[in-house]
Every structure is written in C-alpha cells, then in structure tokens.
C-alpha cells in the first residue's frame, strides 16, 4: 500500500518514473546576424539518464541554412554516444524554434569525441570544450546572472509536447569557438518564460517528461 504526503508535488509521484525522457544539462548560445537571422547556433548536452544511456555532445551550426557538414561547412556535432545524440537531434533539437527546419541540422557531420573538459566557477563563467580528431569546439558563458528554476508545461516547452523542469542561468556574454576561432553573430535578448533573457544561457538539471 502506498501513502502520499499532502506536501508532495506531482513530480514526487513514483508514477512519473515511466515518463522521464531524459535528464541532464542543456546550455545553449544562439547568435544572429545584422538582419536578424540566426548565424550561429550551438547547444551542449550532458545527459545522465535516457533510453540510450548517458553521454555528452556539442552541436554547432556555423551555417544553419547551408546543406553541408564538416569539413565543407562548420556544421557538426562532437559526441561520445552517437545513438543518443541522433535521438536528441531528431526528437528534441529539430523541434526547438531556432533550429526548426534548418538544413544544417540534417547535413551536419557526427564526429566521435576524443576529449571533453568542463570548467567554471559557478558564479562568473562556465565553459565546455569537446574535441574530435581533427576539430575542437568551445562554448563559453560569461557574466552570469542569478540562477532561477522553471517548471515549464508542455504548451510552453520547446517541443510543445514535453513537460520540462530546469535551472537556468543567463549570461550577458557568450561565444562559440571552432578550432580557436570565434564563430560569427551577436547575442540578442528575447522573450523567455514570461520575462526577457539573453540567447546565451546555462540550463542545468534539465528533465524532460513524456506526455
């Protein structure tokens, strides 16, 4: 027999165990050109729980509207679990508004990771670095704001289907490096969960729940 506490939230219910799609970290940096088009898009994944196991990956579209992958074009994903990364792209990233319909997402190269490093002090900056045999990527967030937690219903989530909880940290500065060179574009501030936030953001302890 199972009893419940009157203080328990819906997320505390063991019945939600079957609904966990994946959980981990998912920070991003999105940069626009002067015409307001996305010029460089990047997201990082550190997944601890999923149907495809755990893994890390960094996805960078340096030419989101192009239809070629690395090395012809700066569209690539470096990761240590390719089945997991392909699932995240097909079921999640491809549905994110900034990535939706981008040819670069379908044509990017998937490269196996040979090195990964995370650095940061949790207060002023955070950096993720991933390398393959012939290329290395870095995402860096600076001037971090205070963290805030969010419980996002399906109607407002990036997929429009999953409930998502996360701890977000806004960064007023962010850059994406490909082999040490900064990729082009500028941060913008956009509407986000009832407020305004930079397109350089950290997202920790992120959990996606299936319907």
Foldseek 3Di string as FASTA:
>chain_A
DDDDDPPDDPVPDPVLVVFWAWWWKKFWFWFADPVGATQKTKIKTFTCDHPQHTWIKIFIANHQQDQAEPPVHPGAMEMARVVVVVCCLVQPVCQFPNNPPGNSSVHYYYAYWDDWDWDDDVAAKIKIKTDGPPKIKMKMFGGKDDKDKDFADLCQDRNSFWTKIWIKIAGPDMFMDIRRHTRDGHWDWDDDPNRIGISGMITGRMIITGD
